[in-house]
Protein backbone atom coordinates (compact mmCIF):
# COMPACT_ATOMS: atom_id res chain seq x y z
CA MET A 1 0.00 0.00 0.00
CA GLY A 2 3.05 2.26 -0.16
CA TYR A 3 3.82 2.31 3.55
CA LYS A 4 7.34 1.72 4.80
CA ILE A 5 7.75 -0.63 7.75
CA ALA A 6 10.57 -0.83 10.28
CA TYR A 7 10.62 -3.94 12.46
CA ASP A 8 12.55 -3.81 15.74
CA ASN A 9 14.52 -7.04 15.92
CA LEU A 10 17.68 -5.59 17.42
CA LEU A 11 17.93 -8.10 20.26
CA GLU A 12 17.96 -11.02 17.85
CA ILE A 13 20.80 -12.45 15.80
CA VAL A 14 21.64 -10.35 12.75
CA THR A 15 20.51 -12.06 9.57
CA THR A 16 20.31 -11.46 5.83
CA ASP A 17 17.07 -11.47 3.85
CA GLN A 18 17.24 -10.38 0.23
CA THR A 19 13.45 -9.92 0.08
CA LYS A 20 13.39 -7.15 2.71
CA TYR A 21 15.11 -3.87 3.42
CA LEU A 22 16.96 -4.49 6.67
CA ILE A 23 18.61 -2.08 9.06
CA GLN A 24 20.38 -4.09 11.75
CA ASN A 25 23.09 -3.39 14.28
CA PRO A 26 25.37 -6.08 15.71
CA ASN A 27 26.46 -3.58 18.39
CA TRP A 28 22.96 -3.17 19.80
CA TYR A 29 23.54 -5.17 22.99
CA ARG A 30 26.47 -2.96 23.92
CA LEU A 31 24.61 0.28 23.18
CA ASN A 32 21.33 -0.74 24.80
CA ASP A 33 22.83 -2.38 27.87
CA SER A 34 25.14 0.55 28.57
CA LEU A 35 22.17 2.91 28.86
CA LYS A 36 20.05 0.33 30.69
CA TYR A 37 22.73 -0.33 33.31
CA ILE A 38 23.15 3.42 33.82
CA TYR A 39 19.39 3.75 34.32
CA HIS A 40 19.55 1.06 37.02
CA LYS A 41 22.73 2.67 38.46
CA PHE A 42 24.75 -0.49 37.90
CA ASN A 43 27.52 1.75 36.55
CA THR A 44 28.17 2.97 40.11
CA TYR A 45 29.38 -0.49 41.17
CA GLN A 46 32.84 -0.41 42.72
CA PRO A 47 34.48 -3.82 43.13
CA ASN A 48 35.27 -5.18 46.56
CA LYS A 49 37.25 -8.14 45.32
CA ASN A 50 38.06 -11.12 47.50
CA TYR A 51 39.08 -13.57 44.73
CA LYS A 52 37.35 -16.34 46.67
CA HIS A 53 36.28 -18.33 43.62
CA LEU A 54 37.92 -18.97 40.30
CA ALA A 55 35.29 -17.97 37.75
CA LEU A 56 31.74 -16.80 37.10
CA MET A 57 29.83 -18.79 34.45
CA PRO A 58 26.11 -18.03 33.94
CA LEU A 59 24.35 -20.45 31.59
CA ARG A 60 20.66 -20.42 30.74
CA LEU A 61 19.46 -22.32 27.69
CA GLN A 62 20.73 -25.83 27.08
CA ARG A 63 23.05 -26.21 24.11
CA ALA A 64 25.45 -28.95 23.06
CA GLU A 65 28.52 -26.74 23.39
CA ARG A 66 27.47 -25.70 26.90
CA ASP A 67 26.94 -29.32 27.92
CA ARG A 68 30.42 -30.06 26.63
CA ALA A 69 31.87 -27.04 28.47
CA VAL A 70 30.30 -28.18 31.76
CA GLN A 71 31.69 -31.67 31.19
CA LYS A 72 35.19 -30.41 30.39
CA LEU A 73 35.21 -28.03 33.36
CA GLN A 74 34.11 -30.60 35.95
CA PRO A 75 37.44 -30.58 37.85
CA TRP A 76 37.07 -26.82 38.53
CA LEU A 77 33.31 -26.28 38.84
CA GLY A 78 33.50 -26.61 42.61
CA ASP A 79 35.45 -23.36 42.51
CA PHE A 80 33.05 -21.66 40.04
CA VAL A 81 30.03 -19.49 40.72
CA TRP A 82 27.84 -20.86 37.95
CA SER A 83 24.35 -21.57 36.75
CA TYR A 84 22.66 -23.76 34.17
CA VAL A 85 19.03 -22.71 34.35
CA ALA A 86 17.86 -25.31 31.83
CA ASN A 87 19.10 -27.96 34.27
CA GLY A 88 17.66 -26.30 37.38
CA ARG A 89 20.80 -24.60 38.64
CA GLN A 90 20.86 -20.83 39.20
CA LEU A 91 23.27 -18.23 40.54
CA PRO A 92 23.11 -17.35 44.26
CA ASN A 93 20.57 -14.65 45.10
CA ASP A 94 19.26 -14.56 41.53
CA GLY A 95 15.66 -13.81 40.56
CA ASP A 96 12.78 -15.82 39.16
CA MET A 97 14.27 -17.84 36.31
CA SER A 98 10.91 -18.08 34.54
CA ASP A 99 11.23 -14.32 33.92
CA TRP A 100 13.44 -13.72 30.88
CA SER A 101 14.36 -10.24 32.08
CA THR A 102 16.45 -11.83 34.82
CA GLN A 103 19.18 -12.50 32.26
CA GLN A 104 20.01 -8.82 32.77
CA ASN A 105 20.35 -9.24 36.55
CA PHE A 106 23.42 -7.93 38.31
CA THR A 107 24.58 -8.88 41.80
CA PRO A 108 27.90 -7.43 43.04
CA GLU A 109 28.94 -10.59 44.90
CA TRP A 110 29.05 -12.56 41.63
CA TYR A 111 31.90 -10.33 40.48
CA ASP A 112 33.47 -9.60 43.87
CA ASP A 113 33.84 -13.33 44.61
CA THR A 114 35.32 -14.42 41.26
CA CYS A 115 38.55 -13.77 39.39
CA PHE A 116 37.23 -13.88 35.83
CA SER A 117 34.18 -14.72 33.73
CA PHE A 118 33.91 -17.84 31.58
CA VAL A 119 31.46 -16.72 28.90
CA CYS A 120 29.45 -19.07 26.67
CA GLU A 121 28.01 -16.84 23.96
CA SER A 122 24.69 -17.35 22.15
CA MET A 123 26.53 -18.05 18.89
CA ILE A 124 29.77 -20.00 18.60
CA SER A 125 30.04 -19.82 14.82
CA LEU A 126 29.89 -17.02 12.29
CA LYS A 127 26.54 -16.30 10.63
CA ASP A 128 26.74 -14.42 7.34
CA ASN A 129 30.28 -13.46 8.41
CA ILE A 130 28.84 -11.36 11.27
CA ILE A 131 30.06 -11.58 14.87
CA PHE A 132 27.04 -11.14 17.14
CA ILE A 133 27.94 -10.30 20.76
CA THR A 134 25.40 -10.31 23.59
CA GLU A 135 25.19 -9.20 27.21
CA LYS A 136 27.05 -12.38 28.17
CA THR A 137 30.34 -10.89 27.01
CA TYR A 138 29.58 -7.26 27.83
CA LYS A 139 28.77 -7.95 31.49
CA PRO A 140 32.38 -8.65 32.56
CA ILE A 141 33.45 -5.65 30.47
CA ALA A 142 30.94 -3.47 32.34
CA PHE A 143 31.71 -4.91 35.77
CA TYR A 144 35.50 -4.82 36.01
CA GLN A 145 36.36 -8.41 35.17
CA PRO A 146 38.69 -10.28 32.78
CA PHE A 147 37.02 -12.91 30.62
CA LEU A 148 37.42 -15.99 28.47
CA THR A 149 34.77 -16.32 25.76
CA LEU A 150 33.46 -19.37 23.93
CA GLY A 151 32.02 -17.54 20.96
CA PRO A 152 32.60 -17.32 17.22
CA PRO A 153 36.19 -17.13 15.98
CA GLY A 154 37.39 -13.54 15.95
CA ILE A 155 35.20 -12.35 18.82
CA LEU A 156 38.17 -10.99 20.78
CA LYS A 157 39.43 -9.19 17.69
CA SER A 158 35.95 -7.70 17.23
CA LEU A 159 35.97 -6.43 20.82
CA ARG A 160 39.39 -4.85 20.34
CA ASN A 161 38.09 -3.18 17.17
CA GLN A 162 35.37 -1.63 19.36
CA GLY A 163 38.08 -0.18 21.56
CA PHE A 164 37.89 -2.70 24.40
CA GLU A 165 40.84 -4.49 25.96
CA THR A 166 41.22 -8.27 26.07
CA PHE A 167 43.51 -10.13 28.43
CA GLU A 168 46.44 -11.61 26.59
CA ASN A 169 48.57 -10.73 29.63
CA ILE A 170 46.90 -13.42 31.77
CA PHE A 171 45.36 -15.78 29.16
CA ASN A 172 46.58 -17.44 25.99
CA GLU A 173 44.21 -15.85 23.47
CA ASP A 174 45.38 -17.85 20.45
CA TYR A 175 42.05 -19.67 20.64
CA ASP A 176 40.36 -16.66 19.07
CA SER A 177 41.71 -17.51 15.60
CA ASP A 178 40.93 -21.25 15.70
CA PRO A 179 37.99 -22.03 13.35
CA VAL A 180 36.96 -25.22 15.21
CA TRP A 181 34.88 -24.59 18.31
CA VAL A 182 35.79 -27.82 20.13
CA ARG A 183 39.45 -26.83 19.88
CA ARG A 184 38.63 -23.34 21.09
CA LEU A 185 36.86 -24.87 24.08
CA ASP A 186 39.87 -27.08 24.83
CA SER A 187 42.09 -23.98 24.78
CA LEU A 188 39.73 -22.19 27.15
CA VAL A 189 39.81 -25.14 29.54
CA ASP A 190 43.63 -25.10 29.40
CA ASN A 191 43.51 -21.44 30.40
CA VAL A 192 41.30 -22.30 33.38
CA LYS A 193 43.68 -25.09 34.37
CA GLN A 194 46.70 -22.78 34.35
CA PHE A 195 45.07 -19.81 36.09
CA SER A 196 46.12 -18.96 39.65
CA LYS A 197 43.80 -17.03 41.95
CA GLN A 198 45.50 -13.80 42.98
CA PRO A 199 44.85 -10.04 42.99
CA TYR A 200 44.97 -8.38 39.60
CA ASP A 201 48.32 -7.00 38.51
CA ALA A 202 48.69 -3.41 37.28
CA VAL A 203 48.17 -4.30 33.60
CA THR A 204 44.97 -6.25 34.26
CA GLN A 205 43.66 -3.47 36.50
CA GLN A 206 44.32 -0.90 33.78
CA LYS A 207 42.48 -3.05 31.23
CA ILE A 208 39.37 -3.59 33.35
CA ASN A 209 39.24 0.11 34.26
CA HIS A 210 39.50 1.03 30.59
CA ASN A 211 36.75 -1.40 29.60
CA HIS A 212 34.37 -0.11 32.26
CA ALA A 213 34.95 3.51 31.26
CA ARG A 214 34.49 2.82 27.55
CA PHE A 215 31.36 0.71 28.06
CA PHE A 216 29.71 3.52 30.03
CA ASP A 217 30.89 6.37 27.76
CA THR A 218 27.45 7.90 27.15
CA GLN A 219 28.75 10.39 24.60
CA LEU A 220 30.18 7.59 22.48
CA VAL A 221 27.08 5.39 22.90
CA SER A 222 24.71 8.22 22.00
CA LYS A 223 26.72 9.09 18.90
CA GLN A 224 26.70 5.48 17.73
CA ILE A 225 22.93 5.18 18.23
CA VAL A 226 22.39 8.32 16.16
CA ASP A 227 24.89 7.36 13.43
CA GLU A 228 24.14 3.64 13.21
CA ILE A 229 20.39 3.48 13.94
CA ILE A 230 18.56 6.80 13.84
CA TYR A 231 20.14 8.24 10.68
CA PRO A 232 19.67 5.01 8.65
CA LEU A 233 16.02 4.87 9.78
CA LEU A 234 15.45 8.52 8.81
CA ASN A 235 17.13 7.97 5.46
CA TYR A 236 14.93 4.94 4.84
CA ALA A 237 11.79 6.84 5.83
CA GLU A 238 12.54 9.93 3.78
CA THR A 239 13.66 8.35 0.49
CA ARG A 240 11.49 6.80 -2.17
């Protein structure tokens, strides 16, 4: 009928569809969550680290790669703060797991008590050559924590391209270029095996401070929303 339609699907995996005009943004989780966490005042969190546990690993939906990760990490899970909601296990002091909004929950003790995050991303392979990064990876960036990420190959490079720091000073990050996810997982497990619980050194502290500041840079986030979402929508609406 001549109307133009814009469908908000920003929280879903970026896809290609040659039959539709698509405006999508693989950075949406970072942009949206930065402003959301500021609204909830999560950005005021100041760590009170005790390094009591090795790692934080929140898992929700059941997936084969997550089952394999849990199996491979069995020797260390007693020293993890972790969940697997699909199997009835949740993080301490978490909310109602039947409510999907709880995936955005934040509790300081999860980060105070753990040395790093072991992230299992929503996607572990490339789709249409796009790296889609969710809140799972951005949470340790926002909350002053190093991280290992089981995601698509090149995810660490993508984060560095966004201006974030990764942690080659304490982890072997060669896994990021391996195209086979089971080998990437094995490399991540080796990193866990070799990690020693101790206070962050000066380099690690600088990196986590940088990541927190960049994630909550409202001027940068606002500019990206305007440039990458609002202007393309206006251009679409105003052209024939």
